Every structure is written in C-alpha cells, then in structure tokens.
C-alpha cells in the first residue's frame, strides 16, 4: 500500500527558502556590528583622530598671536611700582649720549639717555614695513616707520608711539656706546626697564605703566592700569 503523496508547489518552496535566508543574514550582520572589537576600535579611533587634529590646528593660531597678546613674555611680566628682581642698572645713561641696548639677534636697538628710555629702533621694519612709510616734510622721500618713541614728544601725545625719524642718534654711528643683552636679561635706568625675552624686547615705565612689546612681527603698545 502506497503512502499518501504530498505535493508542494514550487512557489511555496521558494518562499520558505527566502524567509530562512533573510533571517540568517539579519542575525549574522547584527552580531558583527555590535560584537566585533575591530569595528569598535576603528570607530573610536576615527573620532579621537578628529579631536586631535582640531587641537593641533589651534596651536599655531595661539602661537602666532602670543608675541602681541600675552601679558607674560618668556617669564617676564611688566609690573608697576618696582624694578623687576634681578634687573641690572645700566651705566652711562646719565648724559645725553647714553647707551644703546641691543637685542640678542641685533634687530632691535633701544637708546637709554638722560636716565630715560628714549626710543627703540627695529632694523627689519625698514624692509618689511609693517607700519608703512611717513612723509615728514612736503616733497621729501617717504621714510619707513621703524622707531618706537618713548620720550621726547609733547605731553599731549600718547606714548609710546610708532614713528619715522629723519635725524637723530643711531646705533651704527661711530662712537656710540653699545651693549647686547642675552635672552632673559633685564636692565633699567631711572623708572624705565627693558627685558630681553625669546619672544620680544619688552620695555616699560614702572611709574606710568606705558610700554611696548617689540619683535620682528610687530609692536604692541600697552598701558598698565594702576
């Protein structure tokens, strides 16, 4: 006696096979994405890398701005009322001839005379001209603004100021007294101080609080508040 014949249509078989295959793929894919250590490490690594790049990218901006925006330069913070500890009193500043104090690079020269800081000259400003030129007299040739003037102008003008000079003493004149500072060295005469740092020559009056941070890139004039 023959058993009953069970007939299954081809359509039903295909439907069952497709359902089983879909279920298998869903289970396998979900487990791989959630449980694979390699996938997790790769995702975390990509996120950390983005943060690291952003952090590194901000440094040059801070570094570029640092010579003209920081209150402290190379450990020197301008202060009111007292000569910085460790500063050396300059000799040969009592007469009108005075003495030139040069930065270690030889690019910045500051003149102390009559016990005052008179001015600072920056050689590179004559070439780079970060503050342009000035015509001192009608018909005269433009002269680069290469000088930061600390004294000698009328009391009505705010000091220091960046200006051009036609005449006056220069560190290259024969017979000038010269002294080159080392990085980290600070000197003074009267109430005026100049500190040589890796970032700038920082000069100020401890009584008025008027001063300037001077380097190749530019000069920041500041006024300390009492």
Protein backbone atom coordinates (compact mmCIF):
# COMPACT_ATOMS: atom_id res chain seq x y z
CA UNK A 1 0.00 0.00 0.00
CA UNK A 2 1.46 3.26 -1.01
CA UNK A 3 1.66 6.16 1.41
CA UNK A 4 -0.05 9.42 0.63
CA UNK A 5 1.65 11.59 -1.89
CA UNK A 6 2.45 15.10 -0.56
CA UNK A 7 2.74 17.66 -3.24
CA UNK A 8 4.35 21.05 -2.51
CA UNK A 9 4.23 23.69 -5.10
CA UNK A 10 7.44 25.34 -6.35
CA UNK A 11 6.17 28.75 -5.26
CA UNK A 12 5.84 27.62 -1.63
CA UNK A 13 9.38 26.18 -1.59
CA UNK A 14 10.88 29.42 -2.90
CA UNK A 15 9.02 31.47 -0.29
CA UNK A 16 10.26 29.28 2.57
CA UNK A 17 13.87 29.42 1.33
CA UNK A 18 13.82 33.24 1.04
CA UNK A 19 12.44 33.66 4.57
CA UNK A 20 15.15 31.44 6.06
CA UNK A 21 17.95 33.26 4.20
CA UNK A 22 16.72 36.71 5.33
CA UNK A 23 16.61 35.63 8.98
CA UNK A 24 20.14 34.23 8.80
CA UNK A 25 21.61 37.44 7.30
CA UNK A 26 19.93 39.68 9.88
CA UNK A 27 21.30 37.62 12.78
CA UNK A 28 24.84 37.46 11.35
CA UNK A 29 25.03 41.17 10.42
CA UNK A 30 23.77 42.41 13.79
CA UNK A 31 26.22 40.31 15.72
CA UNK A 32 29.16 41.50 13.63
CA UNK A 33 28.41 45.21 14.06
CA UNK A 34 27.80 45.01 17.81
CA UNK A 35 30.33 42.39 18.89
CA UNK A 36 33.34 42.92 16.62
CA UNK A 37 36.24 44.56 18.56
CA UNK A 38 37.85 45.69 15.30
CA UNK A 39 34.78 47.64 14.26
CA UNK A 40 34.53 49.32 17.69
CA UNK A 41 38.22 50.28 17.75
CA UNK A 42 38.08 51.68 14.24
CA UNK A 43 35.11 53.90 15.07
CA UNK A 44 36.66 55.20 18.30
CA UNK A 45 39.98 55.79 16.60
CA UNK A 46 38.41 57.92 13.89
CA UNK A 47 36.62 60.09 16.49
CA UNK A 48 39.78 60.57 18.57
CA UNK A 49 41.77 61.47 15.48
CA UNK A 50 39.34 64.27 14.61
CA UNK A 51 39.68 65.77 18.10
CA UNK A 52 43.47 65.53 17.95
CA UNK A 53 43.64 67.31 14.60
CA UNK A 54 41.43 70.12 15.89
CA UNK A 55 43.64 70.56 18.96
CA UNK A 56 46.83 70.68 16.90
CA UNK A 57 45.30 73.08 14.43
CA UNK A 58 44.54 75.64 17.15
CA UNK A 59 48.14 75.80 18.42
CA UNK A 60 49.67 77.79 15.56
CA UNK A 61 46.98 80.45 15.96
CA UNK A 62 47.75 80.79 19.65
CA UNK A 63 51.50 80.71 18.93
CA UNK A 64 51.22 83.31 16.17
CA UNK A 65 49.24 85.63 18.42
CA UNK A 66 51.33 85.02 21.52
CA UNK A 67 54.08 87.63 20.92
CA UNK A 68 51.47 90.50 20.78
CA UNK A 69 48.63 89.38 23.13
CA UNK A 70 50.16 87.66 26.16
CA UNK A 71 50.71 89.63 29.33
CA UNK A 72 53.76 87.48 30.04
CA UNK A 73 56.70 87.03 27.67
CA UNK A 74 59.30 84.40 28.42
CA UNK A 75 58.72 84.65 32.17
CA UNK A 76 58.71 88.50 32.23
CA UNK A 77 55.51 90.21 33.33
CA UNK A 78 55.59 94.04 33.27
CA UNK A 79 54.58 95.42 36.66
CA UNK A 80 54.03 98.80 38.26
CA UNK A 81 55.91 100.36 41.15
CA UNK A 82 59.08 98.26 41.32
CA UNK A 83 62.10 97.32 39.24
CA UNK A 84 61.96 93.58 38.43
CA UNK A 85 64.05 91.37 40.66
CA UNK A 86 67.41 90.53 39.07
CA UNK A 87 67.44 93.57 36.75
CA UNK A 88 70.79 95.32 36.25
CA UNK A 89 71.15 99.08 36.42
CA UNK A 90 72.63 100.49 33.23
CA UNK A 91 75.77 102.61 33.40
CA UNK A 92 76.45 105.53 31.05
CA UNK A 93 72.82 106.65 30.92
CA UNK A 94 73.15 109.96 32.78
CA UNK A 95 74.29 112.07 29.83
CA UNK A 96 72.63 112.90 26.53
CA UNK A 97 74.75 110.40 24.62
CA UNK A 98 73.57 107.46 26.67
CA UNK A 99 73.89 103.83 25.64
CA UNK A 100 72.23 101.56 23.08
CA UNK A 101 70.87 98.26 24.38
CA UNK A 102 70.63 95.67 21.61
CA UNK A 103 68.55 92.51 21.39
CA UNK A 104 70.47 89.22 21.08
CA UNK A 105 69.52 88.99 17.40
CA UNK A 106 70.78 92.50 16.73
CA UNK A 107 67.46 93.51 15.17
CA UNK A 108 66.20 95.76 17.98
CA UNK A 109 68.16 98.68 19.48
CA UNK A 110 66.90 100.72 22.45
CA UNK A 111 68.52 104.01 23.49
CA UNK A 112 68.75 104.99 27.15
CA UNK A 113 69.97 108.54 27.79
CA UNK A 114 69.45 111.17 30.49
CA UNK A 115 68.25 108.27 32.66
CA UNK A 116 65.29 107.69 30.34
CA UNK A 117 64.38 105.17 27.68
CA UNK A 118 64.20 107.44 24.65
CA UNK A 119 63.37 105.12 21.77
CA UNK A 120 63.81 101.70 20.16
CA UNK A 121 64.73 101.15 16.51
CA UNK A 122 63.85 97.93 14.65
CA UNK A 123 66.05 97.24 11.63
CA UNK A 124 63.64 94.83 9.92
CA UNK A 125 60.83 97.42 9.91
CA UNK A 126 62.75 99.41 7.30
CA UNK A 127 62.50 96.42 4.96
CA UNK A 128 59.25 94.71 5.96
CA UNK A 129 57.44 97.99 6.70
CA UNK A 130 54.68 96.57 8.93
CA UNK A 131 53.58 100.16 9.70
CA UNK A 132 54.25 101.68 6.30
CA UNK A 133 56.05 104.93 5.48
CA UNK A 134 55.74 108.54 6.57
CA UNK A 135 56.50 111.77 4.68
CA UNK A 136 57.97 114.11 7.25
CA UNK A 137 58.18 117.19 5.05
CA UNK A 138 56.42 118.17 1.81
CA UNK A 139 58.45 116.94 -1.13
CA UNK A 140 60.66 114.65 0.95
CA UNK A 141 61.01 110.94 0.33
CA UNK A 142 58.89 108.55 2.42
CA UNK A 143 60.68 107.05 5.39
CA UNK A 144 59.74 103.72 6.97
CA UNK A 145 58.19 103.79 10.43
CA UNK A 146 60.94 101.86 12.20
CA UNK A 147 61.06 103.61 15.59
CA UNK A 148 59.09 103.22 18.81
CA UNK A 149 59.37 106.54 20.62
CA UNK A 150 59.10 106.53 24.43
CA UNK A 151 60.10 110.14 25.25
CA UNK A 152 60.72 113.49 23.65
CA UNK A 153 57.29 114.35 22.25
CA UNK A 154 54.80 116.74 23.78
CA UNK A 155 52.93 115.63 26.91
CA UNK A 156 49.65 115.77 24.99
CA UNK A 157 50.63 112.79 22.81
CA UNK A 158 50.13 109.24 23.95
CA UNK A 159 53.38 107.38 24.38
CA UNK A 160 54.94 105.13 23.25
CA UNK A 161 54.23 105.74 19.57
CA UNK A 162 55.46 104.21 16.33
CA UNK A 163 57.07 106.79 14.07
CA UNK A 164 59.61 107.54 11.37
CA UNK A 165 62.77 109.53 12.12
CA UNK A 166 64.77 111.66 9.73
CA UNK A 167 67.59 112.61 12.08
CA UNK A 168 68.96 111.63 15.45
CA UNK A 169 71.28 109.06 17.01
CA UNK A 170 71.67 105.60 15.52
CA UNK A 171 73.39 102.53 16.94
CA UNK A 172 75.57 102.39 13.83
CA UNK A 173 77.03 105.87 14.37
CA UNK A 174 80.72 105.92 15.21
CA UNK A 175 81.49 106.21 18.90
CA UNK A 176 78.08 105.07 20.16
CA UNK A 177 78.04 103.08 23.38
CA UNK A 178 76.59 99.63 22.83
CA UNK A 179 75.51 96.72 24.97
CA UNK A 180 73.95 93.48 23.73
CA UNK A 181 71.60 91.68 26.09
CA UNK A 182 71.31 87.93 26.48
CA UNK A 183 67.89 86.27 26.38
CA UNK A 184 66.38 86.52 29.85
CA UNK A 185 68.44 89.60 30.80
CA UNK A 186 66.73 92.72 32.16
CA UNK A 187 68.20 96.22 32.51
CA UNK A 188 66.90 99.58 33.71
CA UNK A 189 67.68 103.26 34.13
CA UNK A 190 65.52 105.53 36.27
CA UNK A 191 61.95 104.21 36.03
CA UNK A 192 62.43 102.59 32.62
CA UNK A 193 63.00 98.85 32.15
CA UNK A 194 63.85 96.70 29.12
CA UNK A 195 63.73 92.90 29.28
CA UNK A 196 65.09 90.66 26.54
CA UNK A 197 62.97 87.52 26.05
CA UNK A 198 62.79 84.83 23.40
CA UNK A 199 59.59 86.36 22.07
CA UNK A 200 60.20 90.11 22.26
CA UNK A 201 62.03 93.05 23.74
CA UNK A 202 59.65 94.25 26.46
CA UNK A 203 60.15 97.83 27.67
CA UNK A 204 58.04 99.91 30.06
CA UNK A 205 57.95 102.69 32.65
CA UNK A 206 57.24 101.30 36.13
CA UNK A 207 55.56 104.56 37.22
CA UNK A 208 53.29 105.37 34.28
CA UNK A 209 52.78 101.78 33.10
CA UNK A 210 53.35 102.80 29.46
CA UNK A 211 55.32 100.29 27.44
CA UNK A 212 55.72 98.15 24.35
CA UNK A 213 56.43 94.57 23.33
CA UNK A 214 58.65 94.73 20.28
CA UNK A 215 59.60 91.94 17.90
CA UNK A 216 60.13 91.31 14.21
CA UNK A 217 56.45 90.64 13.54
CA UNK A 218 55.21 93.87 15.12
CA UNK A 219 54.92 96.06 18.20
CA UNK A 220 52.17 96.03 20.82
CA UNK A 221 51.76 99.25 22.79
CA UNK A 222 50.35 98.68 26.28
CA UNK A 223 49.37 100.79 29.29
CA UNK A 224 49.32 99.07 32.67
CA UNK A 225 46.43 100.11 34.92
CA UNK A 226 47.19 101.42 38.37
